[in-house]
Structure formats: structure tokens, C-alpha cells
């Protein structure tokens, strides 16, 4: 009779222990979402008069530039405008 009780109690204790562990893990795991804009740098580019400036994004695949962002992810934005002639500030 004593062996039969152990066979019933042990699986029940294991199930209770696993349940308590699952509850503890879910209480400690939080998700953090960070959103914001980071201004990394400014660039001054010089264009010749042969072509108008084009503002597009490229990524490199096996040494070849491909139009668009890598894996279609929207990870950045590029903006450009024609301001007119700028003399070298140095």
C-alpha cells in the first residue's frame, strides 16, 4: 500500500513543481520596447552638373549593389535636397 501512494504522490509533486516554476518564470520575464530617433551624422556631398542628385537606398549582396533595404527591413531613412552651390568651408 505504501509503494502505491508513492507512485501517485511523486507525479503529482513533479506536476506541482513544474507549474510553480512556470508561474515564477512568467512573472520575471518582461518585455521592453524602445522607440526613438537617433541622429547619427550629417554629410555634405558634391554633385557634378551632368546628373541631378538621386536619393535612394542600396544594400550589398555578393559584391553587387541592390536597390532597397536589406531583407525589406525599414531600418533607416535617407533624405536629400539640392541647396545650390556650396563652397568648401575648409
N, C-alpha and C. Protein backbone atom coordinates (compact mmCIF):
# COMPACT_ATOMS: atom_id res chain seq x y z
N UNK A 1 0.82 -1.19 0.00
CA UNK A 1 0.00 0.00 0.00
C UNK A 1 0.87 1.26 0.00
N UNK A 2 1.98 1.24 0.72
CA UNK A 2 2.85 2.40 0.82
C UNK A 2 3.52 2.71 -0.52
N UNK A 3 3.89 1.70 -1.28
CA UNK A 3 4.51 1.89 -2.59
C UNK A 3 3.52 2.51 -3.56
N UNK A 4 2.26 2.13 -3.48
CA UNK A 4 1.24 2.68 -4.37
C UNK A 4 1.03 4.17 -4.11
N UNK A 5 1.10 4.59 -2.85
CA UNK A 5 0.95 6.01 -2.53
C UNK A 5 2.10 6.82 -3.11
N UNK A 6 3.32 6.26 -3.02
CA UNK A 6 4.48 6.95 -3.58
C UNK A 6 4.35 7.10 -5.10
N UNK A 7 3.81 6.10 -5.76
CA UNK A 7 3.64 6.14 -7.21
C UNK A 7 2.62 7.20 -7.61
N UNK A 8 1.70 7.51 -6.74
CA UNK A 8 0.69 8.53 -7.04
C UNK A 8 1.19 9.92 -6.65
N UNK A 9 1.88 10.00 -5.51
CA UNK A 9 2.31 11.30 -4.98
C UNK A 9 3.46 11.89 -5.80
N UNK A 10 4.41 11.09 -6.26
CA UNK A 10 5.58 11.60 -6.99
C UNK A 10 5.20 12.34 -8.28
N UNK A 11 4.38 11.76 -9.16
CA UNK A 11 3.99 12.53 -10.36
C UNK A 11 3.22 13.81 -10.02
N UNK A 12 2.41 13.75 -8.96
CA UNK A 12 1.67 14.95 -8.55
C UNK A 12 2.62 16.03 -8.07
N UNK A 13 3.64 15.67 -7.30
CA UNK A 13 4.63 16.64 -6.84
C UNK A 13 5.43 17.23 -8.00
N UNK A 14 5.77 16.39 -8.95
CA UNK A 14 6.50 16.87 -10.12
C UNK A 14 5.65 17.87 -10.90
N UNK A 15 4.38 17.59 -11.09
CA UNK A 15 3.48 18.50 -11.81
C UNK A 15 3.33 19.82 -11.07
N UNK A 16 3.18 19.76 -9.75
CA UNK A 16 3.04 20.99 -8.95
C UNK A 16 4.33 21.81 -9.03
N UNK A 17 5.48 21.16 -8.93
CA UNK A 17 6.76 21.86 -9.01
C UNK A 17 6.94 22.53 -10.36
N UNK A 18 6.63 21.82 -11.45
CA UNK A 18 6.75 22.41 -12.78
C UNK A 18 5.78 23.57 -12.96
N UNK A 19 4.59 23.46 -12.42
CA UNK A 19 3.61 24.55 -12.51
C UNK A 19 4.11 25.78 -11.77
N UNK A 20 4.65 25.59 -10.58
CA UNK A 20 5.17 26.73 -9.81
C UNK A 20 6.36 27.36 -10.52
N UNK A 21 7.21 26.55 -11.14
CA UNK A 21 8.34 27.08 -11.89
C UNK A 21 7.85 27.90 -13.08
N UNK A 22 6.84 27.42 -13.78
CA UNK A 22 6.28 28.16 -14.91
C UNK A 22 5.69 29.49 -14.50
N UNK A 23 4.99 29.51 -13.38
CA UNK A 23 4.41 30.77 -12.88
C UNK A 23 5.52 31.74 -12.51
N UNK A 24 6.58 31.26 -11.87
CA UNK A 24 7.69 32.14 -11.47
C UNK A 24 8.39 32.72 -12.70
N UNK A 25 8.60 31.91 -13.73
CA UNK A 25 9.27 32.40 -14.93
C UNK A 25 8.42 33.45 -15.63
N UNK A 26 7.12 33.25 -15.72
CA UNK A 26 6.27 34.24 -16.40
C UNK A 26 6.21 35.54 -15.62
N UNK A 27 6.35 35.51 -14.32
CA UNK A 27 6.34 36.74 -13.54
C UNK A 27 7.64 37.52 -13.70
N UNK A 28 8.74 36.84 -13.98
CA UNK A 28 10.03 37.51 -14.10
C UNK A 28 10.36 37.94 -15.51
N UNK A 29 9.72 37.41 -16.51
CA UNK A 29 10.08 37.76 -17.89
C UNK A 29 9.22 38.93 -18.35
N UNK A 30 9.86 40.08 -18.54
CA UNK A 30 9.19 41.28 -19.02
C UNK A 30 9.74 41.64 -20.40
N UNK A 31 8.91 42.27 -21.19
CA UNK A 31 9.34 42.74 -22.50
C UNK A 31 9.55 44.24 -22.42
N UNK A 32 10.62 44.70 -23.04
CA UNK A 32 10.92 46.13 -23.06
C UNK A 32 10.93 46.57 -24.52
N UNK A 33 10.17 47.61 -24.82
CA UNK A 33 10.15 48.18 -26.16
C UNK A 33 10.79 49.56 -26.11
N UNK A 34 11.77 49.78 -26.96
CA UNK A 34 12.45 51.07 -27.01
C UNK A 34 12.20 51.65 -28.39
N UNK A 35 11.67 52.85 -28.43
CA UNK A 35 11.44 53.54 -29.69
C UNK A 35 12.09 54.90 -29.62
N UNK A 36 12.59 55.36 -30.73
CA UNK A 36 13.19 56.69 -30.75
C UNK A 36 13.91 56.93 -32.06
N UNK A 37 14.43 58.11 -32.18
CA UNK A 37 15.18 58.51 -33.37
C UNK A 37 16.58 58.89 -32.94
N UNK A 38 17.55 58.38 -33.65
CA UNK A 38 18.94 58.71 -33.37
C UNK A 38 19.50 59.42 -34.59
N UNK A 39 20.02 60.61 -34.38
CA UNK A 39 20.64 61.37 -35.47
C UNK A 39 22.12 61.03 -35.45
N UNK A 40 22.56 60.27 -36.43
CA UNK A 40 23.92 59.75 -36.41
C UNK A 40 24.95 60.72 -37.00
N UNK A 41 24.66 61.33 -38.15
CA UNK A 41 25.68 62.15 -38.80
C UNK A 41 25.06 63.00 -39.89
N UNK A 42 25.81 63.98 -40.31
CA UNK A 42 25.48 64.78 -41.48
C UNK A 42 26.58 64.58 -42.50
N UNK A 43 26.20 64.62 -43.76
CA UNK A 43 27.18 64.51 -44.83
C UNK A 43 26.92 65.61 -45.83
N UNK A 44 28.00 66.16 -46.35
CA UNK A 44 27.90 67.13 -47.43
C UNK A 44 28.48 66.45 -48.66
N UNK A 45 27.66 66.30 -49.68
CA UNK A 45 28.09 65.64 -50.91
C UNK A 45 28.15 66.66 -52.04
N UNK A 46 29.07 66.46 -52.94
CA UNK A 46 29.18 67.33 -54.10
C UNK A 46 28.77 66.55 -55.34
N UNK A 47 27.91 67.14 -56.17
CA UNK A 47 27.45 66.52 -57.40
C UNK A 47 27.94 67.36 -58.57
N UNK A 48 28.21 66.69 -59.67
CA UNK A 48 28.55 67.46 -60.87
C UNK A 48 27.27 67.88 -61.58
N UNK A 49 27.40 68.71 -62.57
CA UNK A 49 26.22 69.24 -63.26
C UNK A 49 25.66 68.28 -64.30
N UNK A 50 26.28 67.12 -64.49
CA UNK A 50 25.82 66.18 -65.51
C UNK A 50 24.53 65.47 -65.10
N UNK A 51 24.41 65.12 -63.85
CA UNK A 51 23.23 64.39 -63.39
C UNK A 51 22.63 65.10 -62.18
N UNK A 52 21.33 65.00 -62.07
CA UNK A 52 20.70 65.55 -60.88
C UNK A 52 20.88 64.56 -59.72
N UNK A 53 20.88 65.04 -58.47
CA UNK A 53 21.08 64.12 -57.34
C UNK A 53 19.91 63.14 -57.19
N UNK A 54 20.23 61.90 -56.85
CA UNK A 54 19.24 60.86 -56.64
C UNK A 54 19.39 60.37 -55.20
N UNK A 55 18.29 60.26 -54.49
CA UNK A 55 18.33 59.83 -53.10
C UNK A 55 17.65 58.47 -52.99
N UNK A 56 18.43 57.40 -53.00
CA UNK A 56 17.90 56.05 -52.89
C UNK A 56 18.74 55.25 -51.90
N UNK A 57 18.24 54.13 -51.47
CA UNK A 57 18.96 53.27 -50.55
C UNK A 57 19.35 51.98 -51.26
N UNK A 58 20.57 51.52 -50.99
CA UNK A 58 21.09 50.30 -51.59
C UNK A 58 21.64 49.41 -50.48
N UNK A 59 21.72 48.13 -50.75
CA UNK A 59 22.46 47.21 -49.89
C UNK A 59 23.28 46.29 -50.78
N UNK A 60 24.32 45.70 -50.20
CA UNK A 60 25.26 44.91 -50.99
C UNK A 60 24.97 43.42 -50.83
N UNK A 61 24.81 42.75 -51.96
CA UNK A 61 24.62 41.30 -51.98
C UNK A 61 25.70 40.71 -52.87
N UNK A 62 26.59 39.96 -52.27
CA UNK A 62 27.69 39.31 -53.01
C UNK A 62 28.48 40.30 -53.86
N UNK A 63 28.75 41.48 -53.32
CA UNK A 63 29.56 42.47 -54.02
C UNK A 63 28.80 43.32 -55.03
N UNK A 64 27.50 43.12 -55.16
CA UNK A 64 26.69 43.88 -56.11
C UNK A 64 25.69 44.74 -55.33
N UNK A 65 25.61 46.03 -55.69
CA UNK A 65 24.64 46.91 -55.02
C UNK A 65 23.24 46.63 -55.55
N UNK A 66 22.30 46.44 -54.62
CA UNK A 66 20.91 46.15 -54.95
C UNK A 66 20.05 47.26 -54.36
N UNK A 67 19.10 47.75 -55.15
CA UNK A 67 18.22 48.81 -54.72
C UNK A 67 17.31 48.33 -53.58
N UNK A 68 17.12 49.15 -52.56
CA UNK A 68 16.24 48.81 -51.43
C UNK A 68 17.03 48.47 -50.19
N UNK A 69 16.32 48.15 -49.12
CA UNK A 69 16.96 47.82 -47.85
C UNK A 69 17.09 46.31 -47.68
N UNK A 70 18.06 45.91 -46.89
CA UNK A 70 18.36 44.50 -46.67
C UNK A 70 17.16 43.78 -46.07
N UNK A 71 16.73 42.71 -46.68
CA UNK A 71 15.59 41.87 -46.24
C UNK A 71 14.30 42.65 -46.13
N UNK A 72 14.20 43.80 -46.79
CA UNK A 72 12.98 44.59 -46.75
C UNK A 72 12.72 45.28 -45.43
N UNK A 73 13.71 45.31 -44.54
CA UNK A 73 13.52 45.93 -43.22
C UNK A 73 13.62 47.45 -43.35
N UNK A 74 12.75 48.15 -42.66
CA UNK A 74 12.77 49.61 -42.66
C UNK A 74 13.60 50.06 -41.47
N UNK A 75 14.92 50.10 -41.66
CA UNK A 75 15.81 50.42 -40.55
C UNK A 75 16.38 51.82 -40.62
N UNK A 76 16.14 52.52 -41.69
CA UNK A 76 16.69 53.87 -41.79
C UNK A 76 16.00 54.67 -42.86
N UNK A 77 16.31 55.94 -42.88
CA UNK A 77 15.70 56.83 -43.86
C UNK A 77 16.77 57.79 -44.36
N UNK A 78 16.77 58.02 -45.64
CA UNK A 78 17.71 58.95 -46.24
C UNK A 78 16.92 60.06 -46.91
N UNK A 79 17.28 61.28 -46.61
CA UNK A 79 16.64 62.42 -47.26
C UNK A 79 17.72 63.29 -47.88
N UNK A 80 17.40 63.90 -49.00
CA UNK A 80 18.36 64.80 -49.64
C UNK A 80 17.61 65.89 -50.38
N UNK A 81 18.28 66.99 -50.58
CA UNK A 81 17.72 68.10 -51.33
C UNK A 81 18.85 68.88 -51.98
N UNK A 82 18.52 69.60 -53.03
CA UNK A 82 19.51 70.40 -53.75
C UNK A 82 19.44 71.82 -53.20
N UNK A 83 20.53 72.28 -52.60
CA UNK A 83 20.56 73.57 -51.94
C UNK A 83 21.20 74.64 -52.81
N UNK A 84 21.84 74.26 -53.84
CA UNK A 84 22.58 75.22 -54.66
C UNK A 84 24.07 75.03 -54.43
N UNK A 85 24.84 75.98 -54.89
CA UNK A 85 26.29 75.85 -54.80
C UNK A 85 26.77 76.11 -53.38
N UNK A 86 27.61 75.22 -52.89
CA UNK A 86 28.21 75.37 -51.57
C UNK A 86 29.72 75.43 -51.75
N UNK A 87 30.35 76.43 -51.18
CA UNK A 87 31.81 76.50 -51.26
C UNK A 87 32.39 75.68 -50.13
N UNK A 88 33.61 75.22 -50.31
CA UNK A 88 34.27 74.38 -49.31
C UNK A 88 34.52 75.20 -48.04
N UNK A 89 33.96 74.77 -46.89
CA UNK A 89 34.13 75.55 -45.66
C UNK A 89 35.53 75.48 -45.07
N UNK A 90 36.35 74.56 -45.55
CA UNK A 90 37.72 74.46 -45.01
C UNK A 90 38.53 75.50 -45.68
